[in-house]
C-alpha atoms as a PDB file:
ATOM      1  CA  UNK A   1      88.226  80.696 223.929  1.00  0.00           C
ATOM      2  CA  UNK A   2      90.920  82.884 224.221  1.00  0.00           C
ATOM      3  CA  UNK A   3      94.566  82.486 223.617  1.00  0.00           C
ATOM      4  CA  UNK A   4      93.597  79.576 220.931  1.00  0.00           C
ATOM      5  CA  UNK A   5      94.875  79.976 217.490  1.00  0.00           C
ATOM      6  CA  UNK A   6      92.150  79.538 214.895  1.00  0.00           C
ATOM      7  CA  UNK A   7      93.376  76.684 212.708  1.00  0.00           C
ATOM      8  CA  UNK A   8      91.965  75.633 208.744  1.00  0.00           C
ATOM      9  CA  UNK A   9      89.704  72.781 208.812  1.00  0.00           C
ATOM     10  CA  UNK A  10      92.058  69.420 207.843  1.00  0.00           C
ATOM     11  CA  UNK A  11      91.712  68.254 204.124  1.00  0.00           C
ATOM     12  CA  UNK A  12      92.160  64.939 203.215  1.00  0.00           C
ATOM     13  CA  UNK A  13      95.494  63.359 201.936  1.00  0.00           C
ATOM     14  CA  UNK A  14      94.126  63.125 198.677  1.00  0.00           C
ATOM     15  CA  UNK A  15      92.386  66.113 197.998  1.00  0.00           C
ATOM     16  CA  UNK A  16      95.625  68.414 198.643  1.00  0.00           C
ATOM     17  CA  UNK A  17      97.681  66.179 196.067  1.00  0.00           C
ATOM     18  CA  UNK A  18      94.685  66.830 193.640  1.00  0.00           C
ATOM     19  CA  UNK A  19      95.536  70.421 193.886  1.00  0.00           C
ATOM     20  CA  UNK A  20      96.634  72.623 190.958  1.00  0.00           C
ATOM     21  CA  UNK A  21     100.126  74.081 191.773  1.00  0.00           C
ATOM     22  CA  UNK A  22     101.374  77.005 189.570  1.00  0.00           C
ATOM     23  CA  UNK A  23     104.063  76.740 187.645  1.00  0.00           C
ATOM     24  CA  UNK A  24     107.539  77.346 188.901  1.00  0.00           C
ATOM     25  CA  UNK A  25     109.115  79.994 186.872  1.00  0.00           C
ATOM     26  CA  UNK A  26     112.854  78.633 187.378  1.00  0.00           C
ATOM     27  CA  UNK A  27     113.884  76.044 183.966  1.00  0.00           C
ATOM     28  CA  UNK A  28     114.162  72.528 185.571  1.00  0.00           C
ATOM     29  CA  UNK A  29     113.807  73.495 188.862  1.00  0.00           C
ATOM     30  CA  UNK A  30     113.705  70.105 190.922  1.00  0.00           C
ATOM     31  CA  UNK A  31     109.978  68.915 191.997  1.00  0.00           C
ATOM     32  CA  UNK A  32     107.893  70.428 195.168  1.00  0.00           C
ATOM     33  CA  UNK A  33     106.807  68.078 197.560  1.00  0.00           C
ATOM     34  CA  UNK A  34     104.379  68.073 200.256  1.00  0.00           C
ATOM     35  CA  UNK A  35     104.675  68.952 203.442  1.00  0.00           C
ATOM     36  CA  UNK A  36     102.639  70.239 206.457  1.00  0.00           C
ATOM     37  CA  UNK A  37     104.553  73.259 207.499  1.00  0.00           C
ATOM     38  CA  UNK A  38     103.426  76.806 208.890  1.00  0.00           C
ATOM     39  CA  UNK A  39     105.406  79.498 206.255  1.00  0.00           C
ATOM     40  CA  UNK A  40     107.348  81.900 208.439  1.00  0.00           C
ATOM     41  CA  UNK A  41     108.326  85.597 207.367  1.00  0.00           C
ATOM     42  CA  UNK A  42     110.465  86.012 204.389  1.00  0.00           C
ATOM     43  CA  UNK A  43     113.948  85.835 204.627  1.00  0.00           C
ATOM     44  CA  UNK A  44     116.867  87.405 202.455  1.00  0.00           C
ATOM     45  CA  UNK A  45     117.081  85.419 199.058  1.00  0.00           C
ATOM     46  CA  UNK A  46     120.346  82.959 198.896  1.00  0.00           C
ATOM     47  CA  UNK A  47     121.823  82.781 195.457  1.00  0.00           C
ATOM     48  CA  UNK A  48     122.328  79.190 194.554  1.00  0.00           C
ATOM     49  CA  UNK A  49     125.723  76.908 194.630  1.00  0.00           C
ATOM     50  CA  UNK A  50     128.136  77.305 191.323  1.00  0.00           C
ATOM     51  CA  UNK A  51     127.698  73.570 191.321  1.00  0.00           C
ATOM     52  CA  UNK A  52     123.965  73.620 191.832  1.00  0.00           C
ATOM     53  CA  UNK A  53     122.209  72.428 188.526  1.00  0.00           C
ATOM     54  CA  UNK A  54     118.738  73.507 189.211  1.00  0.00           C
ATOM     55  CA  UNK A  55     119.673  77.269 189.474  1.00  0.00           C
ATOM     56  CA  UNK A  56     121.465  77.159 185.727  1.00  0.00           C
ATOM     57  CA  UNK A  57     119.798  76.155 182.612  1.00  0.00           C
ATOM     58  CA  UNK A  58     120.714  73.106 181.084  1.00  0.00           C
ATOM     59  CA  UNK A  59     122.861  74.428 178.546  1.00  0.00           C
ATOM     60  CA  UNK A  60     125.074  75.979 181.211  1.00  0.00           C
ATOM     61  CA  UNK A  61     126.344  73.821 183.659  1.00  0.00           C
ATOM     62  CA  UNK A  62     129.354  74.284 185.652  1.00  0.00           C
ATOM     63  CA  UNK A  63     132.256  72.966 184.758  1.00  0.00           C
ATOM     64  CA  UNK A  64     133.044  71.870 188.120  1.00  0.00           C
ATOM     65  CA  UNK A  65     130.207  70.140 188.738  1.00  0.00           C
ATOM     66  CA  UNK A  66     130.117  66.381 187.489  1.00  0.00           C
ATOM     67  CA  UNK A  67     127.468  65.339 185.528  1.00  0.00           C
ATOM     68  CA  UNK A  68     126.428  63.609 182.360  1.00  0.00           C
ATOM     69  CA  UNK A  69     127.481  66.203 179.881  1.00  0.00           C
ATOM     70  CA  UNK A  70     131.349  66.809 179.996  1.00  0.00           C
ATOM     71  CA  UNK A  71     132.793  70.611 179.898  1.00  0.00           C
ATOM     72  CA  UNK A  72     135.991  71.725 177.674  1.00  0.00           C
ATOM     73  CA  UNK A  73     138.990  72.063 179.792  1.00  0.00           C
ATOM     74  CA  UNK A  74     141.221  74.860 178.559  1.00  0.00           C
ATOM     75  CA  UNK A  75     145.060  73.288 178.704  1.00  0.00           C
ATOM     76  CA  UNK A  76     147.723  75.896 179.704  1.00  0.00           C
ATOM     77  CA  UNK A  77     145.950  78.744 180.681  1.00  0.00           C
ATOM     78  CA  UNK A  78     143.481  80.215 183.648  1.00  0.00           C
ATOM     79  CA  UNK A  79     141.208  81.726 181.204  1.00  0.00           C
ATOM     80  CA  UNK A  80     138.563  79.821 178.996  1.00  0.00           C
ATOM     81  CA  UNK A  81     138.952  79.931 175.564  1.00  0.00           C
ATOM     82  CA  UNK A  82     135.704  82.012 173.733  1.00  0.00           C
ATOM     83  CA  UNK A  83     134.875  81.907 170.277  1.00  0.00           C
ATOM     84  CA  UNK A  84     131.930  84.370 168.827  1.00  0.00           C
ATOM     85  CA  UNK A  85     129.181  82.519 166.603  1.00  0.00           C
ATOM     86  CA  UNK A  86     130.043  81.670 163.376  1.00  0.00           C
ATOM     87  CA  UNK A  87     133.868  82.330 164.273  1.00  0.00           C
ATOM     88  CA  UNK A  88     135.067  78.866 165.380  1.00  0.00           C
ATOM     89  CA  UNK A  89     138.550  78.015 163.979  1.00  0.00           C
ATOM     90  CA  UNK A  90     138.097  75.489 160.492  1.00  0.00           C
ATOM     91  CA  UNK A  91     141.470  73.229 159.645  1.00  0.00           C
ATOM     92  CA  UNK A  92     141.105  74.158 155.850  1.00  0.00           C
ATOM     93  CA  UNK A  93     141.952  77.645 156.844  1.00  0.00           C
ATOM     94  CA  UNK A  94     145.352  78.435 155.452  1.00  0.00           C
ATOM     95  CA  UNK A  95     148.118  78.664 158.031  1.00  0.00           C
ATOM     96  CA  UNK A  96     150.704  81.631 158.544  1.00  0.00           C
ATOM     97  CA  UNK A  97     153.586  81.307 156.780  1.00  0.00           C
ATOM     98  CA  UNK A  98     156.657  81.640 157.560  1.00  0.00           C
ATOM     99  CA  UNK A  99     159.305  83.281 155.739  1.00  0.00           C
ATOM    100  CA  UNK A 100     163.174  83.073 155.635  1.00  0.00           C
ATOM    101  CA  UNK A 101     164.775  86.497 157.263  1.00  0.00           C
ATOM    102  CA  UNK A 102     165.544  88.851 154.118  1.00  0.00           C
ATOM    103  CA  UNK A 103     169.504  89.099 153.270  1.00  0.00           C
ATOM    104  CA  UNK A 104     171.018  92.494 152.608  1.00  0.00           C
ATOM    105  CA  UNK A 105     172.056  93.297 148.985  1.00  0.00           C
ATOM    106  CA  UNK A 106     175.769  91.568 148.261  1.00  0.00           C
ATOM    107  CA  UNK A 107     178.244  92.525 145.727  1.00  0.00           C
ATOM    108  CA  UNK A 108     178.266  90.539 142.396  1.00  0.00           C
ATOM    109  CA  UNK A 109     175.414  88.720 143.029  1.00  0.00           C
ATOM    110  CA  UNK A 110     171.823  88.952 140.951  1.00  0.00           C
ATOM    111  CA  UNK A 111     169.268  90.621 142.975  1.00  0.00           C
ATOM    112  CA  UNK A 112     167.110  88.469 144.877  1.00  0.00           C
ATOM    113  CA  UNK A 113     169.991  85.017 145.085  1.00  0.00           C
ATOM    114  CA  UNK A 114     170.987  86.508 148.186  1.00  0.00           C
ATOM    115  CA  UNK A 115     168.514  83.685 150.021  1.00  0.00           C
ATOM    116  CA  UNK A 116     170.832  81.064 147.807  1.00  0.00           C
ATOM    117  CA  UNK A 117     174.240  82.479 149.018  1.00  0.00           C
ATOM    118  CA  UNK A 118     173.284  81.433 152.791  1.00  0.00           C
ATOM    119  CA  UNK A 119     171.647  77.629 151.527  1.00  0.00           C
ATOM    120  CA  UNK A 120     173.224  74.593 150.507  1.00  0.00           C
ATOM    121  CA  UNK A 121     169.926  72.552 150.592  1.00  0.00           C
ATOM    122  CA  UNK A 122     166.431  73.700 149.499  1.00  0.00           C
ATOM    123  CA  UNK A 123     163.119  71.820 149.115  1.00  0.00           C
ATOM    124  CA  UNK A 124     160.756  72.414 146.053  1.00  0.00           C
ATOM    125  CA  UNK A 125     157.327  71.162 146.647  1.00  0.00           C
ATOM    126  CA  UNK A 126     154.750  70.947 143.998  1.00  0.00           C
ATOM    127  CA  UNK A 127     150.920  71.922 145.166  1.00  0.00           C
ATOM    128  CA  UNK A 128     148.451  68.995 145.040  1.00  0.00           C
ATOM    129  CA  UNK A 129     145.020  69.796 142.936  1.00  0.00           C
ATOM    130  CA  UNK A 130     142.302  67.648 143.485  1.00  0.00           C
ATOM    131  CA  UNK A 131     140.085  69.493 141.265  1.00  0.00           C
ATOM    132  CA  UNK A 132     142.573  69.185 138.107  1.00  0.00           C
ATOM    133  CA  UNK A 133     142.544  64.865 138.961  1.00  0.00           C
ATOM    134  CA  UNK A 134     138.443  65.362 139.142  1.00  0.00           C
ATOM    135  CA  UNK A 135     137.940  67.524 136.117  1.00  0.00           C
ATOM    136  CA  UNK A 136     140.608  66.158 134.000  1.00  0.00           C
ATOM    137  CA  UNK A 137     141.477  69.972 133.596  1.00  0.00           C
ATOM    138  CA  UNK A 138     145.651  70.918 133.300  1.00  0.00           C
ATOM    139  CA  UNK A 139     145.772  73.789 135.534  1.00  0.00           C
ATOM    140  CA  UNK A 140     149.049  75.693 136.255  1.00  0.00           C
ATOM    141  CA  UNK A 141     151.853  74.189 138.337  1.00  0.00           C
ATOM    142  CA  UNK A 142     152.775  75.813 141.683  1.00  0.00           C
ATOM    143  CA  UNK A 143     155.722  75.120 144.041  1.00  0.00           C
ATOM    144  CA  UNK A 144     156.641  76.762 147.093  1.00  0.00           C
ATOM    145  CA  UNK A 145     160.423  76.402 148.202  1.00  0.00           C
ATOM    146  CA  UNK A 146     161.874  75.900 151.440  1.00  0.00           C
ATOM    147  CA  UNK A 147     164.802  75.502 153.802  1.00  0.00           C
ATOM    148  CA  UNK A 148     165.590  72.855 156.123  1.00  0.00           C
ATOM    149  CA  UNK A 149     163.999  75.172 158.683  1.00  0.00           C
ATOM    150  CA  UNK A 150     160.792  74.715 157.228  1.00  0.00           C
ATOM    151  CA  UNK A 151     160.883  78.389 156.250  1.00  0.00           C
ATOM    152  CA  UNK A 152     159.770  79.805 153.056  1.00  0.00           C
ATOM    153  CA  UNK A 153     162.505  80.600 150.517  1.00  0.00           C
ATOM    154  CA  UNK A 154     160.463  81.543 147.065  1.00  0.00           C
ATOM    155  CA  UNK A 155     157.208  80.811 145.415  1.00  0.00           C
ATOM    156  CA  UNK A 156     157.181  79.670 141.965  1.00  0.00           C
ATOM    157  CA  UNK A 157     154.138  79.613 139.694  1.00  0.00           C
ATOM    158  CA  UNK A 158     153.543  78.817 136.060  1.00  0.00           C
ATOM    159  CA  UNK A 159     152.392  81.358 133.866  1.00  0.00           C
ATOM    160  CA  UNK A 160     150.729  79.323 130.191  1.00  0.00           C
ATOM    161  CA  UNK A 161     147.405  80.057 128.882  1.00  0.00           C
ATOM    162  CA  UNK A 162     144.801  77.289 129.192  1.00  0.00           C
ATOM    163  CA  UNK A 163     144.914  76.237 125.332  1.00  0.00           C
ATOM    164  CA  UNK A 164     148.518  75.104 125.358  1.00  0.00           C
ATOM    165  CA  UNK A 165     148.442  73.309 129.126  1.00  0.00           C
ATOM    166  CA  UNK A 166     145.732  71.666 127.963  1.00  0.00           C
ATOM    167  CA  UNK A 167     146.791  70.719 124.559  1.00  0.00           C
ATOM    168  CA  UNK A 168     150.310  70.232 124.730  1.00  0.00           C
ATOM    169  CA  UNK A 169     150.311  68.761 128.066  1.00  0.00           C
ATOM    170  CA  UNK A 170     153.911  67.634 129.873  1.00  0.00           C
ATOM    171  CA  UNK A 171     155.424  69.145 126.151  1.00  0.00           C
ATOM    172  CA  UNK A 172     154.057  72.391 126.212  1.00  0.00           C
ATOM    173  CA  UNK A 173     156.005  75.508 126.657  1.00  0.00           C
ATOM    174  CA  UNK A 174     155.776  77.431 129.488  1.00  0.00           C
ATOM    175  CA  UNK A 175     157.281  80.110 131.705  1.00  0.00           C
ATOM    176  CA  UNK A 176     157.790  80.139 135.210  1.00  0.00           C
ATOM    177  CA  UNK A 177     158.000  82.844 137.621  1.00  0.00           C
ATOM    178  CA  UNK A 178     159.864  82.796 141.068  1.00  0.00           C
ATOM    179  CA  UNK A 179     158.772  85.613 143.401  1.00  0.00           C
ATOM    180  CA  UNK A 180     160.082  86.536 147.005  1.00  0.00           C
ATOM    181  CA  UNK A 181     158.345  87.334 150.380  1.00  0.00           C
ATOM    182  CA  UNK A 182     157.299  90.823 148.707  1.00  0.00           C
ATOM    183  CA  UNK A 183     156.083  89.262 145.646  1.00  0.00           C
ATOM    184  CA  UNK A 184     158.570  90.652 143.040  1.00  0.00           C
ATOM    185  CA  UNK A 185     159.495  88.364 140.389  1.00  0.00           C
ATOM    186  CA  UNK A 186     163.371  87.501 140.756  1.00  0.00           C
ATOM    187  CA  UNK A 187     164.247  84.965 138.332  1.00  0.00           C
ATOM    188  CA  UNK A 188     161.965  83.658 135.036  1.00  0.00           C
ATOM    189  CA  UNK A 189     162.445  80.379 133.209  1.00  0.00           C
ATOM    190  CA  UNK A 190     161.284  79.569 129.919  1.00  0.00           C
ATOM    191  CA  UNK A 191     160.834  76.475 127.989  1.00  0.00           C
ATOM    192  CA  UNK A 192     160.098  76.644 124.181  1.00  0.00           C
ATOM    193  CA  UNK A 193     158.634  74.305 122.425  1.00  0.00           C
ATOM    194  CA  UNK A 194     160.430  71.442 120.948  1.00  0.00           C
ATOM    195  CA  UNK A 195     158.961  68.743 118.434  1.00  0.00           C
ATOM    196  CA  UNK A 196     159.539  65.402 119.673  1.00  0.00           C
ATOM    197  CA  UNK A 197     158.428  63.694 116.347  1.00  0.00           C
ATOM    198  CA  UNK A 198     161.627  63.712 115.259  1.00  0.00           C
ATOM    199  CA  UNK A 199     164.777  61.975 115.690  1.00  0.00           C
ATOM    200  CA  UNK A 200     166.015  62.141 119.151  1.00  0.00           C
ATOM    201  CA  UNK A 201     169.489  62.497 118.241  1.00  0.00           C
ATOM    202  CA  UNK A 202     167.990  65.872 116.026  1.00  0.00           C
ATOM    203  CA  UNK A 203     169.041  69.011 117.920  1.00  0.00           C
ATOM    204  CA  UNK A 204     165.702  70.158 117.436  1.00  0.00           C
ATOM    205  CA  UNK A 205     164.238  67.877 119.191  1.00  0.00           C
ATOM    206  CA  UNK A 206     166.124  68.006 122.585  1.00  0.00           C
ATOM    207  CA  UNK A 207     164.832  70.140 125.573  1.00  0.00           C
ATOM    208  CA  UNK A 208     166.053  73.170 126.688  1.00  0.00           C
ATOM    209  CA  UNK A 209     165.444  75.470 129.614  1.00  0.00           C
ATOM    210  CA  UNK A 210     166.626  79.416 129.845  1.00  0.00           C
ATOM    211  CA  UNK A 211     166.985  80.997 133.290  1.00  0.00           C
ATOM    212  CA  UNK A 212     166.808  85.120 133.488  1.00  0.00           C
ATOM    213  CA  UNK A 213     167.794  86.981 136.647  1.00  0.00           C
ATOM    214  CA  UNK A 214     166.659  89.783 137.053  1.00  0.00           C
ATOM    215  CA  UNK A 215     163.682  88.912 134.067  1.00  0.00           C
ATOM    216  CA  UNK A 216     164.861  89.444 130.594  1.00  0.00           C
ATOM    217  CA  UNK A 217     168.782  89.135 131.583  1.00  0.00           C
ATOM    218  CA  UNK A 218     169.815  85.779 130.757  1.00  0.00           C
ATOM    219  CA  UNK A 219     171.764  83.995 133.138  1.00  0.00           C
ATOM    220  CA  UNK A 220     171.706  80.566 131.321  1.00  0.00           C
ATOM    221  CA  UNK A 221     170.680  77.441 129.825  1.00  0.00           C
ATOM    222  CA  UNK A 222     169.402  74.055 130.685  1.00  0.00           C
ATOM    223  CA  UNK A 223     170.402  71.901 127.505  1.00  0.00           C
ATOM    224  CA  UNK A 224     169.072  67.792 127.314  1.00  0.00           C
ATOM    225  CA  UNK A 225     171.692  65.552 125.627  1.00  0.00           C
ATOM    226  CA  UNK A 226     170.667  62.557 123.652  1.00  0.00           C
ATOM    227  CA  UNK A 227     171.250  59.111 125.478  1.00  0.00           C
ATOM    228  CA  UNK A 228     169.880  56.221 124.925  1.00  0.00           C
ATOM    229  CA  UNK A 229     170.162  54.801 128.749  1.00  0.00           C
ATOM    230  CA  UNK A 230     169.523  58.028 131.107  1.00  0.00           C
ATOM    231  CA  UNK A 231     168.728  61.551 131.168  1.00  0.00           C
ATOM    232  CA  UNK A 232     171.742  63.734 130.414  1.00  0.00           C
ATOM    233  CA  UNK A 233     171.640  67.302 130.540  1.00  0.00           C
ATOM    234  CA  UNK A 234     174.644  70.661 130.474  1.00  0.00           C
ATOM    235  CA  UNK A 235     174.350  73.480 132.885  1.00  0.00           C
ATOM    236  CA  UNK A 236     175.471  76.407 130.506  1.00  0.00           C
ATOM    237  CA  UNK A 237     176.577  80.052 131.472  1.00  0.00           C
ATOM    238  CA  UNK A 238     174.587  82.675 129.472  1.00  0.00           C
ATOM    239  CA  UNK A 239     177.282  82.479 126.073  1.00  0.00           C
ATOM    240  CA  UNK A 240     175.998  78.437 126.024  1.00  0.00           C
ATOM    241  CA  UNK A 241     179.436  77.150 127.523  1.00  0.00           C
ATOM    242  CA  UNK A 242     179.276  74.073 129.069  1.00  0.00           C
ATOM    243  CA  UNK A 243     179.738  74.691 133.186  1.00  0.00           C
ATOM    244  CA  UNK A 244     178.424  70.987 134.474  1.00  0.00           C
ATOM    245  CA  UNK A 245     176.512  67.897 133.721  1.00  0.00           C
ATOM    246  CA  UNK A 246     173.522  66.398 135.472  1.00  0.00           C
ATOM    247  CA  UNK A 247     173.457  62.737 135.282  1.00  0.00           C
ATOM    248  CA  UNK A 248     170.301  61.042 136.131  1.00  0.00           C
ATOM    249  CA  UNK A 249     169.310  57.240 136.831  1.00  0.00           C
ATOM    250  CA  UNK A 250     168.789  54.748 133.886  1.00  0.00           C
ATOM    251  CA  UNK A 251     165.031  54.566 134.876  1.00  0.00           C
ATOM    252  CA  UNK A 252     163.114  57.727 136.684  1.00  0.00           C
ATOM    253  CA  UNK A 253     160.007  55.083 136.664  1.00  0.00           C
ATOM    254  CA  UNK A 254     161.138  53.074 140.023  1.00  0.00           C
ATOM    255  CA  UNK A 255     158.052  52.717 142.238  1.00  0.00           C
ATOM    256  CA  UNK A 256     159.278  53.000 146.458  1.00  0.00           C
ATOM    257  CA  UNK A 257     162.880  54.718 145.995  1.00  0.00           C
ATOM    258  CA  UNK A 258     163.644  57.996 145.063  1.00  0.00           C
ATOM    259  CA  UNK A 259     165.387  59.517 141.418  1.00  0.00           C
ATOM    260  CA  UNK A 260     168.541  60.655 141.865  1.00  0.00           C
ATOM    261  CA  UNK A 261     170.388  63.150 139.442  1.00  0.00           C
ATOM    262  CA  UNK A 262     173.725  63.510 140.101  1.00  0.00           C
ATOM    263  CA  UNK A 263     175.125  67.240 139.317  1.00  0.00           C
ATOM    264  CA  UNK A 264     179.217  66.765 138.297  1.00  0.00           C
ATOM    265  CA  UNK A 265     181.876  68.941 136.885  1.00  0.00           C
ATOM    266  CA  UNK A 266     182.456  68.355 132.906  1.00  0.00           C
ATOM    267  CA  UNK A 267     184.973  65.781 133.522  1.00  0.00           C
ATOM    268  CA  UNK A 268     183.080  63.631 135.351  1.00  0.00           C
ATOM    269  CA  UNK A 269     184.947  62.692 138.274  1.00  0.00           C
ATOM    270  CA  UNK A 270     183.931  65.394 140.875  1.00  0.00           C
ATOM    271  CA  UNK A 271     180.800  65.360 142.262  1.00  0.00           C
ATOM    272  CA  UNK A 272     179.007  68.779 143.068  1.00  0.00           C
ATOM    273  CA  UNK A 273     175.373  68.261 144.075  1.00  0.00           C
ATOM    274  CA  UNK A 274     172.136  66.438 143.558  1.00  0.00           C
ATOM    275  CA  UNK A 275     168.564  66.758 142.167  1.00  0.00           C
ATOM    276  CA  UNK A 276     166.791  63.718 144.600  1.00  0.00           C
ATOM    277  CA  UNK A 277     163.089  63.490 143.672  1.00  0.00           C
ATOM    278  CA  UNK A 278     161.528  62.207 146.552  1.00  0.00           C
ATOM    279  CA  UNK A 279     158.998  59.165 146.975  1.00  0.00           C
ATOM    280  CA  UNK A 280     155.769  60.084 148.875  1.00  0.00           C
ATOM    281  CA  UNK A 281     154.127  56.841 148.799  1.00  0.00           C
ATOM    282  CA  UNK A 282     150.439  56.524 146.820  1.00  0.00           C
ATOM    283  CA  UNK A 283     150.822  60.586 146.517  1.00  0.00           C
ATOM    284  CA  UNK A 284     153.464  60.086 144.085  1.00  0.00           C
ATOM    285  CA  UNK A 285     152.367  57.470 142.636  1.00  0.00           C
ATOM    286  CA  UNK A 286     148.927  58.556 142.076  1.00  0.00           C
ATOM    287  CA  UNK A 287     148.940  62.367 141.993  1.00  0.00           C
ATOM    288  CA  UNK A 288     151.108  65.230 140.549  1.00  0.00           C
ATOM    289  CA  UNK A 289     152.510  66.492 143.519  1.00  0.00           C
ATOM    290  CA  UNK A 290     156.470  66.319 143.651  1.00  0.00           C
ATOM    291  CA  UNK A 291     158.641  66.853 146.491  1.00  0.00           C
ATOM    292  CA  UNK A 292     162.481  67.590 145.065  1.00  0.00           C
ATOM    293  CA  UNK A 293     165.750  68.084 147.234  1.00  0.00           C
ATOM    294  CA  UNK A 294     168.488  69.974 145.959  1.00  0.00           C
ATOM    295  CA  UNK A 295     171.667  69.612 147.291  1.00  0.00           C
ATOM    296  CA  UNK A 296     174.823  71.910 146.502  1.00  0.00           C
ATOM    297  CA  UNK A 297     178.046  73.360 148.434  1.00  0.00           C
ATOM    298  CA  UNK A 298     177.654  76.528 150.218  1.00  0.00           C
ATOM    299  CA  UNK A 299     180.893  77.946 148.611  1.00  0.00           C
ATOM    300  CA  UNK A 300     179.211  77.379 144.910  1.00  0.00           C
ATOM    301  CA  UNK A 301     178.997  80.419 142.872  1.00  0.00           C
ATOM    302  CA  UNK A 302     175.070  81.615 143.327  1.00  0.00           C
ATOM    303  CA  UNK A 303     174.401  82.065 139.830  1.00  0.00           C
ATOM    304  CA  UNK A 304     175.002  78.006 139.431  1.00  0.00           C
ATOM    305  CA  UNK A 305     173.059  77.550 142.180  1.00  0.00           C
ATOM    306  CA  UNK A 306     170.308  79.128 140.493  1.00  0.00           C
ATOM    307  CA  UNK A 307     171.120  76.875 137.166  1.00  0.00           C
ATOM    308  CA  UNK A 308     170.913  73.689 139.302  1.00  0.00           C
ATOM    309  CA  UNK A 309     167.625  75.308 140.617  1.00  0.00           C
ATOM    310  CA  UNK A 310     166.308  75.641 137.367  1.00  0.00           C
ATOM    311  CA  UNK A 311     167.274  72.511 136.098  1.00  0.00           C
ATOM    312  CA  UNK A 312     165.082  70.738 138.992  1.00  0.00           C
ATOM    313  CA  UNK A 313     162.148  71.552 136.857  1.00  0.00           C
ATOM    314  CA  UNK A 314     162.744  70.911 133.397  1.00  0.00           C
ATOM    315  CA  UNK A 315     163.603  67.482 134.728  1.00  0.00           C
ATOM    316  CA  UNK A 316     160.140  67.848 136.649  1.00  0.00           C
ATOM    317  CA  UNK A 317     158.545  68.248 133.604  1.00  0.00           C
ATOM    318  CA  UNK A 318     160.217  65.617 131.597  1.00  0.00           C
ATOM    319  CA  UNK A 319     159.916  62.900 133.925  1.00  0.00           C
ATOM    320  CA  UNK A 320     157.156  63.580 136.584  1.00  0.00           C
ATOM    321  CA  UNK A 321     155.032  65.852 135.328  1.00  0.00           C
ATOM    322  CA  UNK A 322     151.511  63.712 135.205  1.00  0.00           C
ATOM    323  CA  UNK A 323     148.801  64.914 132.890  1.00  0.00           C
ATOM    324  CA  UNK A 324     145.071  63.995 133.725  1.00  0.00           C
ATOM    325  CA  UNK A 325     143.634  61.395 131.747  1.00  0.00           C
ATOM    326  CA  UNK A 326     141.681  62.420 128.632  1.00  0.00           C
ATOM    327  CA  UNK A 327     138.045  61.378 128.753  1.00  0.00           C
ATOM    328  CA  UNK A 328     137.134  58.552 126.191  1.00  0.00           C
ATOM    329  CA  UNK A 329     135.033  59.364 123.514  1.00  0.00           C
END
């Protein structure tokens, strides 16, 4: 009969469902559904919505599409933060160091001490060495010197050989080198070895520290004085003439409180400054990582500021330096 379009013979519903369908090339595509329709002519391809998960692999869900997998939203910006493979930030990476602006050279001031002219308070922060605690091997001490703005002023590094450090421990002679932001050594501190087996009142048993600025030129000395109850030091000039005194507490092993060493005039009446060893909780009790605050008048002679600064390290080695325990044999 003319005008009648021939149609394919109908098949049972079960046979249509059992037919094998070609795989969909799209990953994670939604399932096909059986429907009876006559396909029409192909039209223009329309890309899927940005928020439609079926058009993107599972690992590329759109941030605007709410779903099971949360997406990272950058804070404070319109562009997402992207990292190259293997370049993710690690918390242990060193943080950039902010240095105190370098001052201009001054007359009658040893080179490198211009920083101290502008300061009346500095912080001495010793580095914590976990490897030293685990291996019981004494390492060179390192210190960061900062101002109240948390800017680096100096770096102090101990320069002592391995045998001397581990044989003499806290009684070891040492050399401390003070460097500035340019890596130049502007100050040197030397402590000679003194035998402590002699009587404490014997001058040969008293500890002493020499401060040189610039290295090779003696600036002064910090000398220990024998006292039965407390730590007492004298700050001397290059001719070993007493200029100031340092008077410590009766007990430097107090738990839970700061240890204050007062810097006074020779007659003991005027209070010039102080060296305070801060209590840092368990870190102070168990680890060798001390924190000192040094206070002095802003208009104090810069050479005397450097001498008070040097006295801090002799105090640290004598009273707060903890050697790793020796292994039992």
